[in-house]
Amino acid sequence: MRLLLVDDDVLVLESLEILLSDDPMLTIAGKAENGAQALSFLQKQSVDLVLLDIQMPVMDGIEAAQRIRAEFPPIKILMLTTFADYRTLHRCLESGASGFLLKSDSTEKQILTIKAVHQGLPVISEQALKSFSDDQLFSDLTQREQDVLMQLAQGLSNKEIATRLCMSEGTVRNMISVMLDKLDLRDRTQLAIAYWQRKSRGR
């Protein structure tokens, strides 16, 4: 399996190359320090999987993943980072990544994840997966926004919510838009589903 390692920290690149090369199934085809360099490399050489850092200069990992997915669809993408939060995780998966791995994960776990992603299995680090917790998902919402969300989840219209919570219909509409943006959701149906999923877990 041919890998392209992409990280703006040269020491990280060198460490990954040394550690991953110990596995006979993995070959480090190249290294790049940002997304633009990665795309330039892929135009010249083929790889099976790109291990891609998220925060980089010139072109970050999110944009690079989107470009790689569009220009080189067969290539698997595995995001590599030092942190994990719901918003970042969601953006990575939307960009076309098949997996999400923390740099703090053990080398053994990194190698197992790389192999799983190469086989077509979507994989997320256990630590990264914790960022999908309900508390994390709803932590950015104000109390007033949560009040609106609760009414929305009951099936009330914007007008009905406005009447019940003593606010204007326009304010309700704006608050729903803000919640969609905060939670990276598409529409009020997804908001309602997220609310009831949270309630079903006793939150």
N, C-alpha and C. Protein backbone atom coordinates (compact mmCIF):
# COMPACT_ATOMS: atom_id res chain seq x y z
N MET A 1 0.84 -1.19 0.00
CA MET A 1 0.00 0.00 0.00
C MET A 1 0.88 1.25 0.00
N ARG A 2 0.65 2.11 -0.97
CA ARG A 2 1.48 3.32 -1.11
C ARG A 2 0.79 4.50 -0.40
N LEU A 3 1.58 5.18 0.47
CA LEU A 3 1.04 6.27 1.26
C LEU A 3 1.71 7.60 0.92
N LEU A 4 0.92 8.66 1.00
CA LEU A 4 1.45 10.02 0.94
C LEU A 4 1.20 10.65 2.30
N LEU A 5 2.26 11.13 2.95
CA LEU A 5 2.15 11.76 4.26
C LEU A 5 2.14 13.27 4.09
N VAL A 6 1.16 13.94 4.69
CA VAL A 6 1.04 15.39 4.53
C VAL A 6 0.89 16.06 5.89
N ASP A 7 1.89 16.86 6.27
CA ASP A 7 1.86 17.58 7.55
C ASP A 7 2.86 18.73 7.46
N ASP A 8 2.51 19.87 8.03
CA ASP A 8 3.41 21.03 7.95
C ASP A 8 4.55 20.95 8.97
N ASP A 9 4.51 19.97 9.86
CA ASP A 9 5.58 19.76 10.84
C ASP A 9 6.53 18.69 10.30
N VAL A 10 7.73 19.10 9.96
CA VAL A 10 8.71 18.17 9.37
C VAL A 10 9.03 17.02 10.32
N LEU A 11 9.10 17.31 11.62
CA LEU A 11 9.40 16.26 12.59
C LEU A 11 8.30 15.21 12.62
N VAL A 12 7.06 15.65 12.49
CA VAL A 12 5.94 14.71 12.45
C VAL A 12 6.05 13.83 11.21
N LEU A 13 6.38 14.43 10.08
CA LEU A 13 6.54 13.67 8.84
C LEU A 13 7.62 12.60 8.99
N GLU A 14 8.75 13.01 9.54
CA GLU A 14 9.86 12.07 9.70
C GLU A 14 9.50 10.95 10.66
N SER A 15 8.82 11.30 11.75
CA SER A 15 8.43 10.28 12.73
C SER A 15 7.44 9.28 12.12
N LEU A 16 6.45 9.82 11.39
CA LEU A 16 5.47 8.94 10.75
C LEU A 16 6.15 8.01 9.75
N GLU A 17 7.07 8.55 8.99
CA GLU A 17 7.76 7.74 7.98
C GLU A 17 8.51 6.59 8.64
N ILE A 18 9.20 6.89 9.74
CA ILE A 18 9.97 5.86 10.44
C ILE A 18 9.06 4.79 11.04
N LEU A 19 8.02 5.24 11.73
CA LEU A 19 7.15 4.31 12.44
C LEU A 19 6.30 3.46 11.50
N LEU A 20 5.74 4.10 10.46
CA LEU A 20 4.87 3.36 9.55
C LEU A 20 5.65 2.44 8.62
N SER A 21 6.89 2.80 8.33
CA SER A 21 7.71 1.98 7.42
C SER A 21 8.07 0.64 8.02
N ASP A 22 7.89 0.49 9.33
CA ASP A 22 8.19 -0.78 9.98
C ASP A 22 7.23 -1.88 9.54
N ASP A 23 6.05 -1.47 9.06
CA ASP A 23 5.09 -2.46 8.59
C ASP A 23 5.38 -2.80 7.13
N PRO A 24 5.60 -4.08 6.81
CA PRO A 24 5.97 -4.47 5.45
C PRO A 24 4.89 -4.20 4.41
N MET A 25 3.65 -4.00 4.84
CA MET A 25 2.57 -3.74 3.89
C MET A 25 2.48 -2.27 3.49
N LEU A 26 3.21 -1.40 4.20
CA LEU A 26 3.11 0.04 3.96
C LEU A 26 4.38 0.57 3.30
N THR A 27 4.18 1.37 2.26
CA THR A 27 5.30 2.02 1.58
C THR A 27 5.05 3.52 1.56
N ILE A 28 5.99 4.30 2.05
CA ILE A 28 5.86 5.76 2.03
C ILE A 28 6.28 6.25 0.65
N ALA A 29 5.30 6.59 -0.17
CA ALA A 29 5.58 7.02 -1.54
C ALA A 29 6.09 8.44 -1.60
N GLY A 30 5.70 9.27 -0.63
CA GLY A 30 6.15 10.65 -0.63
C GLY A 30 5.66 11.40 0.59
N LYS A 31 6.17 12.64 0.73
CA LYS A 31 5.78 13.50 1.84
C LYS A 31 5.51 14.90 1.29
N ALA A 32 4.61 15.61 1.93
CA ALA A 32 4.29 16.99 1.54
C ALA A 32 3.99 17.78 2.80
N GLU A 33 4.21 19.11 2.72
CA GLU A 33 4.05 19.95 3.90
C GLU A 33 2.78 20.79 3.87
N ASN A 34 1.97 20.66 2.82
CA ASN A 34 0.67 21.33 2.77
C ASN A 34 -0.17 20.69 1.67
N GLY A 35 -1.42 21.10 1.60
CA GLY A 35 -2.32 20.50 0.63
C GLY A 35 -1.92 20.74 -0.82
N ALA A 36 -1.38 21.92 -1.09
CA ALA A 36 -0.98 22.25 -2.46
C ALA A 36 0.14 21.33 -2.93
N GLN A 37 1.11 21.09 -2.05
CA GLN A 37 2.21 20.17 -2.38
C GLN A 37 1.68 18.76 -2.58
N ALA A 38 0.71 18.38 -1.78
CA ALA A 38 0.12 17.04 -1.90
C ALA A 38 -0.53 16.86 -3.26
N LEU A 39 -1.30 17.85 -3.70
CA LEU A 39 -1.96 17.76 -5.00
C LEU A 39 -0.94 17.71 -6.13
N SER A 40 0.11 18.50 -6.01
CA SER A 40 1.17 18.49 -7.02
C SER A 40 1.82 17.11 -7.11
N PHE A 41 2.04 16.48 -5.96
CA PHE A 41 2.64 15.15 -5.94
C PHE A 41 1.71 14.14 -6.60
N LEU A 42 0.43 14.21 -6.29
CA LEU A 42 -0.53 13.24 -6.81
C LEU A 42 -0.72 13.35 -8.32
N GLN A 43 -0.43 14.50 -8.88
CA GLN A 43 -0.51 14.66 -10.33
C GLN A 43 0.62 13.93 -11.04
N LYS A 44 1.66 13.56 -10.29
CA LYS A 44 2.83 12.92 -10.88
C LYS A 44 2.95 11.44 -10.49
N GLN A 45 2.48 11.11 -9.28
CA GLN A 45 2.63 9.74 -8.80
C GLN A 45 1.32 9.25 -8.19
N SER A 46 1.10 7.97 -8.27
CA SER A 46 -0.12 7.39 -7.73
C SER A 46 0.13 6.85 -6.32
N VAL A 47 -0.88 6.99 -5.48
CA VAL A 47 -0.82 6.42 -4.14
C VAL A 47 -2.18 5.78 -3.84
N ASP A 48 -2.22 4.99 -2.80
CA ASP A 48 -3.48 4.35 -2.40
C ASP A 48 -4.20 5.14 -1.32
N LEU A 49 -3.42 5.81 -0.47
CA LEU A 49 -4.02 6.51 0.66
C LEU A 49 -3.20 7.73 1.02
N VAL A 50 -3.90 8.81 1.39
CA VAL A 50 -3.25 10.04 1.84
C VAL A 50 -3.54 10.22 3.32
N LEU A 51 -2.49 10.34 4.10
CA LEU A 51 -2.60 10.65 5.52
C LEU A 51 -2.44 12.16 5.64
N LEU A 52 -3.51 12.86 5.97
CA LEU A 52 -3.60 14.30 5.75
C LEU A 52 -3.85 15.07 7.04
N ASP A 53 -2.91 15.94 7.39
CA ASP A 53 -3.10 16.83 8.54
C ASP A 53 -4.20 17.83 8.22
N ILE A 54 -4.85 18.38 9.24
CA ILE A 54 -5.96 19.30 9.02
C ILE A 54 -5.48 20.75 8.94
N GLN A 55 -4.75 21.20 9.94
CA GLN A 55 -4.31 22.60 9.97
C GLN A 55 -2.95 22.74 9.34
N MET A 56 -2.90 23.37 8.16
CA MET A 56 -1.65 23.60 7.43
C MET A 56 -1.73 24.92 6.70
N PRO A 57 -0.58 25.55 6.43
CA PRO A 57 -0.57 26.78 5.64
C PRO A 57 -0.78 26.49 4.15
N VAL A 58 -0.98 27.53 3.37
CA VAL A 58 -1.14 27.46 1.92
C VAL A 58 -2.48 26.82 1.54
N MET A 59 -2.66 25.53 1.90
CA MET A 59 -3.92 24.84 1.69
C MET A 59 -4.11 23.84 2.82
N ASP A 60 -5.18 24.02 3.59
CA ASP A 60 -5.38 23.14 4.75
C ASP A 60 -5.92 21.78 4.33
N GLY A 61 -6.06 20.90 5.32
CA GLY A 61 -6.46 19.54 5.03
C GLY A 61 -7.88 19.40 4.52
N ILE A 62 -8.79 20.27 4.99
CA ILE A 62 -10.17 20.19 4.54
C ILE A 62 -10.27 20.47 3.04
N GLU A 63 -9.65 21.57 2.61
CA GLU A 63 -9.68 21.91 1.18
C GLU A 63 -8.95 20.86 0.36
N ALA A 64 -7.81 20.40 0.87
CA ALA A 64 -7.04 19.39 0.16
C ALA A 64 -7.85 18.10 -0.01
N ALA A 65 -8.56 17.71 1.03
CA ALA A 65 -9.38 16.49 0.95
C ALA A 65 -10.47 16.64 -0.10
N GLN A 66 -11.09 17.80 -0.16
CA GLN A 66 -12.13 18.05 -1.16
C GLN A 66 -11.55 17.95 -2.57
N ARG A 67 -10.37 18.53 -2.77
CA ARG A 67 -9.73 18.51 -4.09
C ARG A 67 -9.29 17.10 -4.47
N ILE A 68 -8.74 16.38 -3.50
CA ILE A 68 -8.30 15.01 -3.78
C ILE A 68 -9.49 14.13 -4.13
N ARG A 69 -10.57 14.28 -3.39
CA ARG A 69 -11.77 13.48 -3.66
C ARG A 69 -12.31 13.78 -5.05
N ALA A 70 -12.25 15.04 -5.48
CA ALA A 70 -12.78 15.43 -6.79
C ALA A 70 -11.86 15.00 -7.92
N GLU A 71 -10.55 15.14 -7.73
CA GLU A 71 -9.60 14.89 -8.81
C GLU A 71 -9.05 13.46 -8.82
N PHE A 72 -9.02 12.83 -7.66
CA PHE A 72 -8.46 11.47 -7.57
C PHE A 72 -9.38 10.58 -6.73
N PRO A 73 -10.59 10.32 -7.23
CA PRO A 73 -11.61 9.60 -6.42
C PRO A 73 -11.19 8.25 -5.85
N PRO A 74 -10.32 7.47 -6.51
CA PRO A 74 -9.97 6.16 -5.93
C PRO A 74 -9.13 6.25 -4.66
N ILE A 75 -8.47 7.39 -4.45
CA ILE A 75 -7.55 7.51 -3.32
C ILE A 75 -8.33 7.66 -2.01
N LYS A 76 -7.96 6.87 -1.02
CA LYS A 76 -8.56 6.98 0.31
C LYS A 76 -7.89 8.12 1.08
N ILE A 77 -8.67 8.79 1.93
CA ILE A 77 -8.16 9.92 2.70
C ILE A 77 -8.36 9.65 4.18
N LEU A 78 -7.30 9.79 4.93
CA LEU A 78 -7.36 9.62 6.37
C LEU A 78 -6.85 10.90 7.02
N MET A 79 -7.70 11.57 7.79
CA MET A 79 -7.32 12.82 8.42
C MET A 79 -6.52 12.55 9.69
N LEU A 80 -5.49 13.34 9.88
CA LEU A 80 -4.60 13.18 11.04
C LEU A 80 -4.49 14.52 11.75
N THR A 81 -4.75 14.53 13.07
CA THR A 81 -4.69 15.80 13.78
C THR A 81 -4.41 15.59 15.26
N THR A 82 -4.17 16.69 15.96
CA THR A 82 -3.85 16.62 17.39
C THR A 82 -5.08 16.84 18.25
N PHE A 83 -6.20 17.22 17.63
CA PHE A 83 -7.40 17.51 18.40
C PHE A 83 -8.61 16.96 17.67
N ALA A 84 -9.73 16.94 18.38
CA ALA A 84 -10.97 16.48 17.75
C ALA A 84 -12.15 17.23 18.36
N ASP A 85 -12.98 17.80 17.55
CA ASP A 85 -14.22 18.39 18.02
C ASP A 85 -15.29 18.09 16.98
N TYR A 86 -16.54 18.23 17.39
CA TYR A 86 -17.64 17.84 16.51
C TYR A 86 -17.59 18.56 15.17
N ARG A 87 -17.39 19.88 15.21
CA ARG A 87 -17.43 20.66 13.97
C ARG A 87 -16.34 20.21 13.00
N THR A 88 -15.10 20.03 13.52
CA THR A 88 -13.99 19.62 12.67
C THR A 88 -14.21 18.22 12.12
N LEU A 89 -14.65 17.33 12.98
CA LEU A 89 -14.90 15.95 12.57
C LEU A 89 -15.95 15.90 11.46
N HIS A 90 -17.01 16.66 11.63
CA HIS A 90 -18.08 16.69 10.65
C HIS A 90 -17.57 17.23 9.31
N ARG A 91 -16.78 18.30 9.35
CA ARG A 91 -16.24 18.89 8.11
C ARG A 91 -15.30 17.92 7.40
N CYS A 92 -14.51 17.17 8.17
CA CYS A 92 -13.60 16.20 7.57
C CYS A 92 -14.37 15.13 6.81
N LEU A 93 -15.40 14.60 7.44
CA LEU A 93 -16.19 13.55 6.80
C LEU A 93 -16.92 14.09 5.57
N GLU A 94 -17.41 15.32 5.66
CA GLU A 94 -18.09 15.93 4.52
C GLU A 94 -17.14 16.18 3.36
N SER A 95 -15.87 16.42 3.67
CA SER A 95 -14.89 16.71 2.62
C SER A 95 -14.49 15.46 1.84
N GLY A 96 -14.87 14.30 2.34
CA GLY A 96 -14.56 13.07 1.63
C GLY A 96 -13.62 12.14 2.35
N ALA A 97 -13.25 12.50 3.58
CA ALA A 97 -12.35 11.63 4.34
C ALA A 97 -13.06 10.35 4.75
N SER A 98 -12.31 9.25 4.78
CA SER A 98 -12.86 7.96 5.18
C SER A 98 -12.53 7.62 6.62
N GLY A 99 -11.69 8.44 7.22
CA GLY A 99 -11.30 8.16 8.59
C GLY A 99 -10.71 9.38 9.25
N PHE A 100 -10.58 9.29 10.56
CA PHE A 100 -10.11 10.42 11.36
C PHE A 100 -9.27 9.85 12.48
N LEU A 101 -8.01 10.24 12.56
CA LEU A 101 -7.08 9.63 13.50
C LEU A 101 -6.35 10.71 14.29
N LEU A 102 -6.24 10.53 15.58
CA LEU A 102 -5.49 11.48 16.41
C LEU A 102 -4.00 11.12 16.40
N LYS A 103 -3.17 12.15 16.42
CA LYS A 103 -1.73 11.91 16.45
C LYS A 103 -1.30 11.24 17.75
N SER A 104 -2.13 11.36 18.77
CA SER A 104 -1.82 10.74 20.06
C SER A 104 -2.12 9.24 20.08
N ASP A 105 -2.81 8.73 19.05
CA ASP A 105 -3.07 7.30 18.98
C ASP A 105 -1.77 6.53 18.83
N SER A 106 -1.75 5.31 19.31
CA SER A 106 -0.54 4.49 19.22
C SER A 106 -0.25 4.16 17.75
N THR A 107 1.01 3.84 17.48
CA THR A 107 1.41 3.47 16.12
C THR A 107 0.63 2.24 15.66
N GLU A 108 0.43 1.30 16.57
CA GLU A 108 -0.32 0.09 16.23
C GLU A 108 -1.74 0.44 15.77
N LYS A 109 -2.38 1.35 16.51
CA LYS A 109 -3.73 1.74 16.16
C LYS A 109 -3.74 2.51 14.83
N GLN A 110 -2.73 3.35 14.61
CA GLN A 110 -2.63 4.09 13.35
C GLN A 110 -2.52 3.14 12.17
N ILE A 111 -1.68 2.13 12.31
CA ILE A 111 -1.48 1.17 11.22
C ILE A 111 -2.76 0.37 10.96
N LEU A 112 -3.42 -0.06 12.02
CA LEU A 112 -4.67 -0.80 11.86
C LEU A 112 -5.72 0.06 11.17
N THR A 113 -5.77 1.33 11.53
CA THR A 113 -6.75 2.24 10.92
C THR A 113 -6.44 2.46 9.45
N ILE A 114 -5.18 2.65 9.13
CA ILE A 114 -4.77 2.83 7.73
C ILE A 114 -5.20 1.63 6.89
N LYS A 115 -4.96 0.45 7.41
CA LYS A 115 -5.31 -0.77 6.67
C LYS A 115 -6.83 -0.91 6.52
N ALA A 116 -7.56 -0.55 7.57
CA ALA A 116 -9.02 -0.65 7.50
C ALA A 116 -9.58 0.32 6.47
N VAL A 117 -9.07 1.55 6.46
CA VAL A 117 -9.54 2.56 5.50
C VAL A 117 -9.19 2.12 4.08
N HIS A 118 -8.02 1.54 3.90
CA HIS A 118 -7.62 1.08 2.57
C HIS A 118 -8.56 -0.01 2.07
N GLN A 119 -9.12 -0.79 2.98
CA GLN A 119 -10.06 -1.86 2.61
C GLN A 119 -11.48 -1.34 2.41
N GLY A 120 -11.65 -0.03 2.58
CA GLY A 120 -12.96 0.55 2.32
C GLY A 120 -13.83 0.73 3.54
N LEU A 121 -13.26 0.57 4.73
CA LEU A 121 -14.04 0.73 5.96
C LEU A 121 -13.85 2.13 6.53
N PRO A 122 -14.93 2.86 6.77
CA PRO A 122 -14.80 4.17 7.41
C PRO A 122 -14.41 3.99 8.87
N VAL A 123 -13.37 4.68 9.31
CA VAL A 123 -12.86 4.47 10.66
C VAL A 123 -12.63 5.82 11.34
N ILE A 124 -13.06 5.90 12.61
CA ILE A 124 -12.83 7.09 13.41
C ILE A 124 -12.19 6.67 14.71
N SER A 125 -11.16 7.39 15.10
CA SER A 125 -10.49 7.10 16.36
C SER A 125 -11.50 7.14 17.52
N GLU A 126 -11.30 6.26 18.51
CA GLU A 126 -12.21 6.25 19.66
C GLU A 126 -12.26 7.60 20.35
N GLN A 127 -11.10 8.25 20.48
CA GLN A 127 -11.06 9.56 21.13
C GLN A 127 -11.79 10.60 20.29
N ALA A 128 -11.60 10.52 18.97
CA ALA A 128 -12.30 11.46 18.10
C ALA A 128 -13.79 11.23 18.14
N LEU A 129 -14.19 9.97 18.25
CA LEU A 129 -15.61 9.63 18.27
C LEU A 129 -16.31 10.25 19.48
N LYS A 130 -15.58 10.44 20.56
CA LYS A 130 -16.18 11.02 21.76
C LYS A 130 -16.65 12.45 21.51
N SER A 131 -16.11 13.10 20.51
CA SER A 131 -16.52 14.47 20.22
C SER A 131 -17.91 14.53 19.64
N PHE A 132 -18.48 13.36 19.27
CA PHE A 132 -19.85 13.30 18.81
C PHE A 132 -20.84 13.23 19.97
N SER A 133 -20.33 13.29 21.21
CA SER A 133 -21.21 13.18 22.36
C SER A 133 -22.26 14.28 22.33
N ASP A 134 -23.40 14.02 22.92
CA ASP A 134 -24.48 14.99 22.91
C ASP A 134 -24.10 16.29 23.59
N ASP A 135 -23.36 16.21 24.70
CA ASP A 135 -22.97 17.43 25.39
C ASP A 135 -22.13 18.31 24.48
N GLN A 136 -21.22 17.71 23.73
CA GLN A 136 -20.39 18.47 22.81
C GLN A 136 -21.24 19.06 21.69
N LEU A 137 -22.15 18.26 21.18
CA LEU A 137 -22.98 18.68 20.05
C LEU A 137 -23.81 19.91 20.39
N PHE A 138 -24.35 19.96 21.61
CA PHE A 138 -25.26 21.04 21.98
C PHE A 138 -24.60 22.12 22.84
N SER A 139 -23.30 22.01 23.09
CA SER A 139 -22.64 22.93 24.02
C SER A 139 -22.62 24.37 23.52
N ASP A 140 -22.69 24.57 22.22
CA ASP A 140 -22.63 25.92 21.67
C ASP A 140 -23.98 26.63 21.68
N LEU A 141 -25.04 25.92 22.01
CA LEU A 141 -26.37 26.53 21.97
C LEU A 141 -26.66 27.31 23.24
N THR A 142 -27.24 28.50 23.10
CA THR A 142 -27.68 29.27 24.27
C THR A 142 -28.94 28.62 24.82
N GLN A 143 -29.31 29.01 26.03
CA GLN A 143 -30.53 28.47 26.63
C GLN A 143 -31.75 28.82 25.79
N ARG A 144 -31.78 30.02 25.25
CA ARG A 144 -32.92 30.43 24.43
C ARG A 144 -32.99 29.60 23.15
N GLU A 145 -31.84 29.31 22.55
CA GLU A 145 -31.82 28.47 21.36
C GLU A 145 -32.31 27.06 21.68
N GLN A 146 -31.93 26.56 22.85
CA GLN A 146 -32.40 25.22 23.23
C GLN A 146 -33.90 25.22 23.47
N ASP A 147 -34.43 26.34 23.97
CA ASP A 147 -35.88 26.46 24.15
C ASP A 147 -36.60 26.37 22.79
N VAL A 148 -36.03 27.08 21.81
CA VAL A 148 -36.61 27.06 20.46
C VAL A 148 -36.50 25.66 19.87
N LEU A 149 -35.35 25.02 20.08
CA LEU A 149 -35.15 23.67 19.56
C LEU A 149 -36.17 22.69 20.14
N MET A 150 -36.43 22.80 21.41
CA MET A 150 -37.39 21.90 22.05
C MET A 150 -38.77 22.05 21.42
N GLN A 151 -39.18 23.30 21.15
CA GLN A 151 -40.49 23.53 20.53
C GLN A 151 -40.50 23.04 19.09
N LEU A 152 -39.41 23.27 18.38
CA LEU A 152 -39.31 22.81 16.99
C LEU A 152 -39.44 21.29 16.93
N ALA A 153 -38.79 20.61 17.88
CA ALA A 153 -38.82 19.15 17.90
C ALA A 153 -40.22 18.60 18.18
N GLN A 154 -41.08 19.45 18.76
CA GLN A 154 -42.46 19.04 19.01
C GLN A 154 -43.33 19.18 17.76
N GLY A 155 -42.73 19.71 16.69
CA GLY A 155 -43.46 19.86 15.44
C GLY A 155 -44.13 21.21 15.25
N LEU A 156 -43.80 22.18 16.12
CA LEU A 156 -44.42 23.49 16.02
C LEU A 156 -43.82 24.29 14.86
N SER A 157 -44.64 25.12 14.25
CA SER A 157 -44.18 26.00 13.19
C SER A 157 -43.45 27.20 13.81
N ASN A 158 -42.77 27.98 12.98
CA ASN A 158 -42.09 29.17 13.49
C ASN A 158 -43.07 30.12 14.17
N LYS A 159 -44.24 30.27 13.59
CA LYS A 159 -45.25 31.17 14.16
C LYS A 159 -45.71 30.67 15.53
N GLU A 160 -45.92 29.37 15.63
CA GLU A 160 -46.37 28.79 16.90
C GLU A 160 -45.28 28.90 17.97
N ILE A 161 -44.03 28.69 17.56
CA ILE A 161 -42.91 28.83 18.51
C ILE A 161 -42.82 30.26 19.00
N ALA A 162 -42.96 31.21 18.07
CA ALA A 162 -42.88 32.62 18.42
C ALA A 162 -43.95 33.00 19.43
N THR A 163 -45.14 32.52 19.21
CA THR A 163 -46.25 32.81 20.13
C THR A 163 -45.98 32.21 21.50
N ARG A 164 -45.54 30.96 21.53
CA ARG A 164 -45.35 30.27 22.80
C ARG A 164 -44.20 30.87 23.59
N LEU A 165 -43.15 31.32 22.91
CA LEU A 165 -41.96 31.84 23.61
C LEU A 165 -41.92 33.36 23.66
N CYS A 166 -43.00 34.00 23.20
CA CYS A 166 -43.11 35.46 23.26
C CYS A 166 -41.96 36.16 22.53
N MET A 167 -41.75 35.80 21.29
CA MET A 167 -40.75 36.46 20.45
C MET A 167 -41.31 36.58 19.04
N SER A 168 -40.63 37.34 18.19
CA SER A 168 -41.13 37.52 16.83
C SER A 168 -40.82 36.29 15.98
N GLU A 169 -41.61 36.11 14.96
CA GLU A 169 -41.40 34.98 14.05
C GLU A 169 -40.05 35.09 13.36
N GLY A 170 -39.64 36.33 13.04
CA GLY A 170 -38.34 36.54 12.41
C GLY A 170 -37.19 36.13 13.31
N THR A 171 -37.34 36.40 14.62
CA THR A 171 -36.31 36.00 15.57
C THR A 171 -36.18 34.48 15.64
N VAL A 172 -37.31 33.81 15.64
CA VAL A 172 -37.30 32.34 15.65
C VAL A 172 -36.59 31.81 14.41
N ARG A 173 -36.94 32.38 13.26
CA ARG A 173 -36.33 31.94 12.01
C ARG A 173 -34.82 32.15 12.03
N ASN A 174 -34.38 33.30 12.55
CA ASN A 174 -32.95 33.58 12.63
C ASN A 174 -32.24 32.63 13.60
N MET A 175 -32.88 32.33 14.72
CA MET A 175 -32.27 31.43 15.70
C MET A 175 -32.12 30.03 15.15
N ILE A 176 -33.09 29.59 14.36
CA ILE A 176 -32.98 28.27 13.74
C ILE A 176 -31.82 28.23 12.76
N SER A 177 -31.65 29.31 12.00
CA SER A 177 -30.52 29.38 11.06
C SER A 177 -29.19 29.33 11.80
N VAL A 178 -29.13 30.04 12.94
CA VAL A 178 -27.90 30.04 13.75
C VAL A 178 -27.62 28.64 14.28
N MET A 179 -28.65 27.95 14.75
CA MET A 179 -28.46 26.59 15.27
C MET A 179 -28.00 25.63 14.18
N LEU A 180 -28.54 25.75 12.99
CA LEU A 180 -28.12 24.91 11.88
C LEU A 180 -26.64 25.11 11.60
N ASP A 181 -26.22 26.37 11.66
CA ASP A 181 -24.81 26.68 11.40
C ASP A 181 -23.93 26.14 12.53
N LYS A 182 -24.33 26.33 13.77
CA LYS A 182 -23.53 25.87 14.91
C LYS A 182 -23.36 24.35 14.92
N LEU A 183 -24.43 23.65 14.55
CA LEU A 183 -24.40 22.19 14.62
C LEU A 183 -24.06 21.52 13.30
N ASP A 184 -23.82 22.34 12.28
CA ASP A 184 -23.49 21.81 10.94
C ASP A 184 -24.58 20.86 10.45
N LEU A 185 -25.83 21.25 10.61
CA LEU A 185 -26.96 20.47 10.13
C LEU A 185 -27.62 21.18 8.96
N ARG A 186 -28.41 20.43 8.19
CA ARG A 186 -28.93 20.96 6.93
C ARG A 186 -30.29 21.65 7.07
N ASP A 187 -31.19 21.09 7.87
CA ASP A 187 -32.54 21.64 7.93
C ASP A 187 -33.17 21.36 9.29
N ARG A 188 -34.41 21.84 9.49
CA ARG A 188 -35.08 21.70 10.78
C ARG A 188 -35.41 20.25 11.10
N THR A 189 -35.55 19.42 10.08
CA THR A 189 -35.78 18.00 10.33
C THR A 189 -34.59 17.37 11.03
N GLN A 190 -33.38 17.70 10.54
CA GLN A 190 -32.17 17.18 11.18
C GLN A 190 -32.02 17.71 12.60
N LEU A 191 -32.44 18.96 12.80
CA LEU A 191 -32.41 19.53 14.16
C LEU A 191 -33.32 18.71 15.09
N ALA A 192 -34.50 18.42 14.62
CA ALA A 192 -35.44 17.65 15.44
C ALA A 192 -34.91 16.25 15.74
N ILE A 193 -34.32 15.62 14.73
CA ILE A 193 -33.76 14.28 14.93
C ILE A 193 -32.64 14.31 15.97
N ALA A 194 -31.76 15.33 15.86
CA ALA A 194 -30.66 15.46 16.81
C ALA A 194 -31.20 15.65 18.22
N TYR A 195 -32.27 16.42 18.36
CA TYR A 195 -32.87 16.66 19.67
C TYR A 195 -33.40 15.36 20.26
N TRP A 196 -34.16 14.60 19.49
CA TRP A 196 -34.78 13.38 20.01
C TRP A 196 -33.76 12.28 20.26
N GLN A 197 -32.67 12.27 19.47
CA GLN A 197 -31.60 11.32 19.74
C GLN A 197 -30.97 11.62 21.10
N ARG A 198 -30.81 12.90 21.37
CA ARG A 198 -30.26 13.30 22.65
C ARG A 198 -31.19 12.90 23.79
N LYS A 199 -32.49 13.14 23.61
CA LYS A 199 -33.47 12.80 24.64
C LYS A 199 -33.53 11.30 24.88
N SER A 200 -33.36 10.52 23.82
CA SER A 200 -33.46 9.06 23.96
C SER A 200 -32.32 8.49 24.80
N ARG A 201 -31.23 9.29 24.90
CA ARG A 201 -30.09 8.85 25.73
C ARG A 201 -30.17 9.42 27.14
N GLY A 202 -31.31 10.05 27.44
CA GLY A 202 -31.50 10.56 28.78
C GLY A 202 -30.78 11.86 29.06
N ARG A 203 -30.46 12.64 28.00
CA ARG A 203 -29.76 13.90 28.18
C ARG A 203 -30.76 15.05 28.36
